[in-house]
Amino acid sequence: MGRLIHFEIHVDDMERAKKFYGEVFGWSFQDWSDFAGMPYFGATTGDENELGINGALMPRQSTPPEAGQPLNGFACTMGVENYDVSEEKIMANGGTVAMPKYALPGMAWQGYYIDTEGNTFGIHQPDENAK
């Protein structure tokens, strides 16, 4: 079975990206550059006893996606406890809205944003009353 076990977010400015994901989602980072042979920071996204995976930030290897371009790859979606508070943190830390909050009726609130590096990501708050 090919279960997803790790992700990599390509960034233009490592310190800016670490600040964004640290401030918005509370992620912590470890320098794994010696192992990777390039700047590479492991991202711990939560308690290892909770559902989810960890990943890394790495330097972008080509030009960033153009504004308005459709997604061409995977979008990571982060589970959040409070959608509106998370959106406020995203915006306060330099993120922008890609697709505004919408209901997945009877299941959750979902929306998509663009980080400080031009990457699209989602946030998801479970809520059986969403409509």
N, C-alpha and C. Protein backbone atom coordinates (compact mmCIF):
# COMPACT_ATOMS: atom_id res chain seq x y z
N MET A 1 0.85 -1.18 0.00
CA MET A 1 0.00 0.00 0.00
C MET A 1 0.89 1.24 0.00
N GLY A 2 0.56 2.27 -0.74
CA GLY A 2 1.37 3.48 -0.85
C GLY A 2 0.84 4.62 0.01
N ARG A 3 0.88 4.47 1.32
CA ARG A 3 0.36 5.50 2.23
C ARG A 3 1.30 6.71 2.29
N LEU A 4 0.74 7.89 2.26
CA LEU A 4 1.51 9.13 2.35
C LEU A 4 2.17 9.22 3.72
N ILE A 5 3.50 9.40 3.75
CA ILE A 5 4.22 9.42 5.02
C ILE A 5 5.06 10.67 5.24
N HIS A 6 5.20 11.52 4.24
CA HIS A 6 6.07 12.70 4.34
C HIS A 6 5.67 13.69 3.25
N PHE A 7 5.84 14.98 3.53
CA PHE A 7 5.60 15.98 2.49
C PHE A 7 6.77 16.95 2.47
N GLU A 8 6.94 17.64 1.35
CA GLU A 8 7.94 18.69 1.22
C GLU A 8 7.26 19.93 0.63
N ILE A 9 7.50 21.07 1.26
CA ILE A 9 7.00 22.34 0.76
C ILE A 9 8.19 23.09 0.19
N HIS A 10 8.11 23.45 -1.07
CA HIS A 10 9.19 24.17 -1.74
C HIS A 10 9.04 25.66 -1.44
N VAL A 11 10.14 26.30 -1.02
CA VAL A 11 10.08 27.69 -0.57
C VAL A 11 11.18 28.52 -1.23
N ASP A 12 10.92 29.82 -1.32
CA ASP A 12 11.90 30.77 -1.83
C ASP A 12 12.73 31.36 -0.69
N ASP A 13 12.11 31.56 0.47
CA ASP A 13 12.76 32.18 1.62
C ASP A 13 12.52 31.29 2.83
N MET A 14 13.53 30.52 3.21
CA MET A 14 13.38 29.52 4.28
C MET A 14 12.93 30.15 5.60
N GLU A 15 13.56 31.24 6.00
CA GLU A 15 13.20 31.86 7.29
C GLU A 15 11.77 32.38 7.28
N ARG A 16 11.37 32.98 6.17
CA ARG A 16 10.00 33.49 6.04
C ARG A 16 9.00 32.35 6.11
N ALA A 17 9.30 31.24 5.43
CA ALA A 17 8.40 30.08 5.44
C ALA A 17 8.33 29.44 6.82
N LYS A 18 9.46 29.31 7.50
CA LYS A 18 9.46 28.75 8.86
C LYS A 18 8.63 29.63 9.79
N LYS A 19 8.76 30.94 9.65
CA LYS A 19 7.97 31.85 10.48
C LYS A 19 6.48 31.69 10.18
N PHE A 20 6.11 31.64 8.90
CA PHE A 20 4.71 31.51 8.52
C PHE A 20 4.10 30.24 9.11
N TYR A 21 4.68 29.08 8.85
CA TYR A 21 4.10 27.82 9.30
C TYR A 21 4.22 27.65 10.83
N GLY A 22 5.26 28.23 11.41
CA GLY A 22 5.39 28.20 12.87
C GLY A 22 4.33 29.04 13.55
N GLU A 23 4.13 30.26 13.05
CA GLU A 23 3.15 31.17 13.65
C GLU A 23 1.71 30.72 13.40
N VAL A 24 1.41 30.30 12.19
CA VAL A 24 0.03 29.95 11.84
C VAL A 24 -0.39 28.61 12.43
N PHE A 25 0.45 27.59 12.32
CA PHE A 25 0.05 26.23 12.71
C PHE A 25 0.83 25.68 13.91
N GLY A 26 1.81 26.43 14.42
CA GLY A 26 2.56 25.96 15.58
C GLY A 26 3.59 24.88 15.27
N TRP A 27 3.99 24.76 14.00
CA TRP A 27 4.97 23.76 13.62
C TRP A 27 6.34 24.12 14.19
N SER A 28 7.16 23.11 14.46
CA SER A 28 8.55 23.33 14.84
C SER A 28 9.44 22.70 13.76
N PHE A 29 10.69 23.15 13.72
CA PHE A 29 11.59 22.75 12.64
C PHE A 29 12.94 22.29 13.17
N GLN A 30 13.51 21.30 12.50
CA GLN A 30 14.84 20.80 12.81
C GLN A 30 15.68 20.90 11.54
N ASP A 31 16.92 21.33 11.70
CA ASP A 31 17.81 21.48 10.55
C ASP A 31 18.36 20.11 10.14
N TRP A 32 17.93 19.64 8.99
CA TRP A 32 18.40 18.36 8.44
C TRP A 32 19.30 18.59 7.22
N SER A 33 19.85 19.78 7.11
CA SER A 33 20.64 20.15 5.93
C SER A 33 21.84 19.23 5.72
N ASP A 34 22.49 18.82 6.80
CA ASP A 34 23.66 17.93 6.66
C ASP A 34 23.28 16.61 6.01
N PHE A 35 22.08 16.11 6.31
CA PHE A 35 21.63 14.84 5.73
C PHE A 35 21.23 15.01 4.26
N ALA A 36 20.62 16.17 3.94
CA ALA A 36 20.08 16.39 2.61
C ALA A 36 21.11 16.96 1.63
N GLY A 37 22.17 17.56 2.14
CA GLY A 37 23.16 18.18 1.26
C GLY A 37 22.70 19.51 0.69
N MET A 38 21.69 20.10 1.30
CA MET A 38 21.16 21.41 0.92
C MET A 38 20.35 21.92 2.11
N PRO A 39 19.95 23.19 2.12
CA PRO A 39 19.08 23.65 3.20
C PRO A 39 17.79 22.82 3.22
N TYR A 40 17.50 22.19 4.35
CA TYR A 40 16.36 21.28 4.44
C TYR A 40 15.95 21.23 5.91
N PHE A 41 14.72 21.65 6.19
CA PHE A 41 14.26 21.74 7.57
C PHE A 41 13.06 20.82 7.79
N GLY A 42 13.25 19.80 8.63
CA GLY A 42 12.16 18.90 8.99
C GLY A 42 11.10 19.65 9.76
N ALA A 43 9.84 19.40 9.43
CA ALA A 43 8.71 20.07 10.06
C ALA A 43 7.94 19.07 10.91
N THR A 44 7.86 19.35 12.21
CA THR A 44 7.01 18.57 13.11
C THR A 44 5.68 19.29 13.19
N THR A 45 4.62 18.62 12.74
CA THR A 45 3.31 19.28 12.60
C THR A 45 2.36 19.04 13.76
N GLY A 46 2.74 18.20 14.69
CA GLY A 46 1.88 17.93 15.83
C GLY A 46 2.40 16.76 16.64
N ASP A 47 1.62 16.37 17.63
CA ASP A 47 1.96 15.26 18.50
C ASP A 47 1.95 13.96 17.71
N GLU A 48 2.96 13.14 17.87
CA GLU A 48 3.05 11.90 17.08
C GLU A 48 1.93 10.91 17.41
N ASN A 49 1.20 11.13 18.50
CA ASN A 49 0.07 10.26 18.84
C ASN A 49 -1.23 10.70 18.17
N GLU A 50 -1.20 11.84 17.46
CA GLU A 50 -2.37 12.34 16.74
C GLU A 50 -2.27 11.95 15.27
N LEU A 51 -3.43 11.88 14.62
CA LEU A 51 -3.49 11.60 13.19
C LEU A 51 -2.76 12.70 12.43
N GLY A 52 -1.94 12.34 11.47
CA GLY A 52 -1.25 13.32 10.65
C GLY A 52 0.15 12.86 10.30
N ILE A 53 0.85 13.66 9.50
CA ILE A 53 2.22 13.35 9.10
C ILE A 53 3.10 14.57 9.29
N ASN A 54 4.39 14.34 9.30
CA ASN A 54 5.38 15.41 9.35
C ASN A 54 6.00 15.55 7.96
N GLY A 55 6.73 16.63 7.76
CA GLY A 55 7.32 16.87 6.45
C GLY A 55 8.56 17.72 6.55
N ALA A 56 8.76 18.57 5.55
CA ALA A 56 9.95 19.41 5.51
C ALA A 56 9.73 20.61 4.61
N LEU A 57 10.58 21.61 4.82
CA LEU A 57 10.69 22.76 3.93
C LEU A 57 12.02 22.62 3.20
N MET A 58 12.01 22.89 1.90
CA MET A 58 13.23 22.81 1.11
C MET A 58 13.26 23.93 0.08
N PRO A 59 14.44 24.31 -0.41
CA PRO A 59 14.51 25.38 -1.41
C PRO A 59 13.78 24.99 -2.69
N ARG A 60 13.08 25.96 -3.25
CA ARG A 60 12.40 25.76 -4.52
C ARG A 60 13.44 25.51 -5.60
N GLN A 61 13.20 24.52 -6.45
CA GLN A 61 14.17 24.12 -7.46
C GLN A 61 13.90 24.72 -8.83
N SER A 62 12.80 25.45 -8.97
CA SER A 62 12.48 26.09 -10.25
C SER A 62 11.66 27.35 -9.96
N THR A 63 11.10 27.94 -10.99
CA THR A 63 10.31 29.15 -10.79
C THR A 63 9.03 28.81 -10.01
N PRO A 64 8.55 29.75 -9.20
CA PRO A 64 7.32 29.49 -8.44
C PRO A 64 6.11 29.48 -9.35
N PRO A 65 4.99 28.91 -8.87
CA PRO A 65 3.77 28.93 -9.67
C PRO A 65 3.32 30.38 -9.91
N GLU A 66 2.77 30.63 -11.08
CA GLU A 66 2.28 31.97 -11.39
C GLU A 66 0.95 32.21 -10.70
N ALA A 67 0.69 33.46 -10.34
CA ALA A 67 -0.58 33.83 -9.70
C ALA A 67 -1.73 33.48 -10.64
N GLY A 68 -2.79 32.91 -10.08
CA GLY A 68 -3.96 32.56 -10.86
C GLY A 68 -3.86 31.22 -11.57
N GLN A 69 -2.70 30.59 -11.52
CA GLN A 69 -2.50 29.30 -12.17
C GLN A 69 -3.25 28.22 -11.39
N PRO A 70 -3.89 27.27 -12.10
CA PRO A 70 -4.53 26.18 -11.38
C PRO A 70 -3.49 25.33 -10.66
N LEU A 71 -3.91 24.67 -9.63
CA LEU A 71 -3.01 23.82 -8.86
C LEU A 71 -2.40 22.75 -9.76
N ASN A 72 -1.10 22.60 -9.66
CA ASN A 72 -0.38 21.62 -10.47
C ASN A 72 0.47 20.78 -9.53
N GLY A 73 -0.16 19.91 -8.77
CA GLY A 73 0.54 19.08 -7.80
C GLY A 73 -0.40 18.76 -6.65
N PHE A 74 0.17 18.45 -5.51
CA PHE A 74 -0.61 18.11 -4.33
C PHE A 74 -0.89 19.35 -3.50
N ALA A 75 -2.05 19.40 -2.88
CA ALA A 75 -2.35 20.45 -1.91
C ALA A 75 -2.43 19.79 -0.54
N CYS A 76 -1.64 20.28 0.39
CA CYS A 76 -1.73 19.80 1.78
C CYS A 76 -2.88 20.54 2.46
N THR A 77 -3.65 19.81 3.24
CA THR A 77 -4.74 20.42 4.01
C THR A 77 -4.48 20.14 5.48
N MET A 78 -4.50 21.22 6.29
CA MET A 78 -4.26 21.11 7.72
C MET A 78 -5.59 21.11 8.46
N GLY A 79 -5.73 20.19 9.39
CA GLY A 79 -6.89 20.18 10.28
C GLY A 79 -6.72 21.26 11.32
N VAL A 80 -7.78 22.04 11.55
CA VAL A 80 -7.73 23.12 12.54
C VAL A 80 -8.92 22.99 13.49
N GLU A 81 -8.76 23.53 14.69
CA GLU A 81 -9.85 23.50 15.67
C GLU A 81 -10.86 24.61 15.40
N ASN A 82 -10.38 25.77 14.94
CA ASN A 82 -11.25 26.92 14.71
C ASN A 82 -10.88 27.56 13.38
N TYR A 83 -11.74 27.38 12.39
CA TYR A 83 -11.46 27.86 11.04
C TYR A 83 -11.18 29.37 11.02
N ASP A 84 -12.07 30.15 11.64
CA ASP A 84 -11.95 31.60 11.56
C ASP A 84 -10.69 32.13 12.23
N VAL A 85 -10.31 31.56 13.37
CA VAL A 85 -9.08 31.97 14.04
C VAL A 85 -7.87 31.61 13.18
N SER A 86 -7.90 30.42 12.57
CA SER A 86 -6.80 30.00 11.70
C SER A 86 -6.68 30.93 10.49
N GLU A 87 -7.81 31.31 9.90
CA GLU A 87 -7.77 32.23 8.76
C GLU A 87 -7.17 33.57 9.18
N GLU A 88 -7.54 34.06 10.36
CA GLU A 88 -6.97 35.32 10.84
C GLU A 88 -5.45 35.23 10.96
N LYS A 89 -4.94 34.11 11.47
CA LYS A 89 -3.49 33.92 11.60
C LYS A 89 -2.84 33.86 10.22
N ILE A 90 -3.47 33.18 9.28
CA ILE A 90 -2.92 33.09 7.92
C ILE A 90 -2.78 34.48 7.33
N MET A 91 -3.84 35.26 7.41
CA MET A 91 -3.82 36.59 6.82
C MET A 91 -2.83 37.52 7.54
N ALA A 92 -2.76 37.42 8.87
CA ALA A 92 -1.85 38.27 9.65
C ALA A 92 -0.38 37.94 9.38
N ASN A 93 -0.11 36.74 8.88
CA ASN A 93 1.26 36.33 8.64
C ASN A 93 1.63 36.32 7.16
N GLY A 94 0.84 36.99 6.33
CA GLY A 94 1.21 37.19 4.93
C GLY A 94 0.56 36.26 3.93
N GLY A 95 -0.34 35.39 4.38
CA GLY A 95 -1.05 34.52 3.46
C GLY A 95 -2.19 35.25 2.77
N THR A 96 -2.71 34.67 1.70
CA THR A 96 -3.85 35.23 0.98
C THR A 96 -4.88 34.13 0.71
N VAL A 97 -6.10 34.53 0.41
CA VAL A 97 -7.18 33.59 0.14
C VAL A 97 -7.08 33.11 -1.31
N ALA A 98 -7.12 31.79 -1.50
CA ALA A 98 -7.20 31.21 -2.84
C ALA A 98 -8.63 30.80 -3.15
N MET A 99 -9.31 30.20 -2.18
CA MET A 99 -10.72 29.81 -2.29
C MET A 99 -11.35 30.01 -0.91
N PRO A 100 -12.32 30.92 -0.79
CA PRO A 100 -12.87 31.23 0.53
C PRO A 100 -13.55 30.04 1.21
N LYS A 101 -13.74 30.19 2.48
CA LYS A 101 -14.41 29.20 3.33
C LYS A 101 -15.73 28.75 2.70
N TYR A 102 -15.93 27.44 2.70
CA TYR A 102 -17.20 26.89 2.22
C TYR A 102 -17.53 25.65 3.06
N ALA A 103 -18.80 25.29 3.05
CA ALA A 103 -19.26 24.14 3.83
C ALA A 103 -19.16 22.86 3.03
N LEU A 104 -18.69 21.83 3.68
CA LEU A 104 -18.87 20.46 3.21
C LEU A 104 -20.04 19.98 4.07
N PRO A 105 -21.27 20.09 3.56
CA PRO A 105 -22.46 19.94 4.38
C PRO A 105 -22.46 18.69 5.27
N GLY A 106 -22.72 18.95 6.54
CA GLY A 106 -22.78 17.89 7.52
C GLY A 106 -21.43 17.32 7.93
N MET A 107 -20.34 17.93 7.42
CA MET A 107 -19.02 17.37 7.69
C MET A 107 -18.02 18.39 8.23
N ALA A 108 -17.82 19.52 7.51
CA ALA A 108 -16.71 20.40 7.86
C ALA A 108 -16.79 21.74 7.12
N TRP A 109 -15.91 22.65 7.55
CA TRP A 109 -15.63 23.89 6.84
C TRP A 109 -14.28 23.72 6.16
N GLN A 110 -14.17 24.16 4.92
CA GLN A 110 -12.96 23.98 4.12
C GLN A 110 -12.67 25.29 3.40
N GLY A 111 -11.41 25.53 3.11
CA GLY A 111 -10.99 26.67 2.30
C GLY A 111 -9.54 26.50 1.92
N TYR A 112 -9.08 27.30 0.96
CA TYR A 112 -7.71 27.21 0.47
C TYR A 112 -7.04 28.58 0.49
N TYR A 113 -5.74 28.57 0.73
CA TYR A 113 -4.95 29.79 0.90
C TYR A 113 -3.64 29.66 0.15
N ILE A 114 -2.94 30.78 0.02
CA ILE A 114 -1.62 30.80 -0.60
C ILE A 114 -0.66 31.29 0.47
N ASP A 115 0.41 30.51 0.71
CA ASP A 115 1.38 30.88 1.74
C ASP A 115 2.31 31.98 1.23
N THR A 116 3.27 32.37 2.04
CA THR A 116 4.20 33.44 1.68
C THR A 116 5.12 33.05 0.54
N GLU A 117 5.14 31.77 0.18
CA GLU A 117 6.03 31.28 -0.89
C GLU A 117 5.29 31.01 -2.19
N GLY A 118 3.98 31.32 -2.24
CA GLY A 118 3.20 31.11 -3.45
C GLY A 118 2.57 29.73 -3.57
N ASN A 119 2.63 28.93 -2.49
CA ASN A 119 2.07 27.57 -2.50
C ASN A 119 0.63 27.55 -1.98
N THR A 120 -0.20 26.73 -2.59
CA THR A 120 -1.60 26.58 -2.17
C THR A 120 -1.69 25.49 -1.11
N PHE A 121 -2.48 25.76 -0.06
CA PHE A 121 -2.75 24.78 0.99
C PHE A 121 -4.18 24.98 1.49
N GLY A 122 -4.73 23.98 2.13
CA GLY A 122 -6.08 24.07 2.66
C GLY A 122 -6.11 24.02 4.17
N ILE A 123 -7.24 24.48 4.73
CA ILE A 123 -7.53 24.25 6.14
C ILE A 123 -8.92 23.63 6.23
N HIS A 124 -9.12 22.82 7.26
CA HIS A 124 -10.32 21.99 7.38
C HIS A 124 -10.70 21.90 8.85
N GLN A 125 -11.91 22.40 9.17
CA GLN A 125 -12.44 22.29 10.54
C GLN A 125 -13.64 21.37 10.53
N PRO A 126 -13.53 20.19 11.15
CA PRO A 126 -14.69 19.31 11.24
C PRO A 126 -15.85 20.02 11.96
N ASP A 127 -17.06 19.91 11.40
CA ASP A 127 -18.26 20.49 12.00
C ASP A 127 -19.48 19.86 11.35
N GLU A 128 -20.16 18.99 12.09
CA GLU A 128 -21.32 18.30 11.52
C GLU A 128 -22.47 19.26 11.24
N ASN A 129 -22.41 20.49 11.77
CA ASN A 129 -23.46 21.49 11.51
C ASN A 129 -23.14 22.38 10.32
N ALA A 130 -22.03 22.17 9.66
CA ALA A 130 -21.66 22.99 8.49
C ALA A 130 -22.71 22.82 7.38
N LYS A 131 -23.16 23.95 6.84
CA LYS A 131 -24.07 23.92 5.69
C LYS A 131 -24.07 25.23 4.97
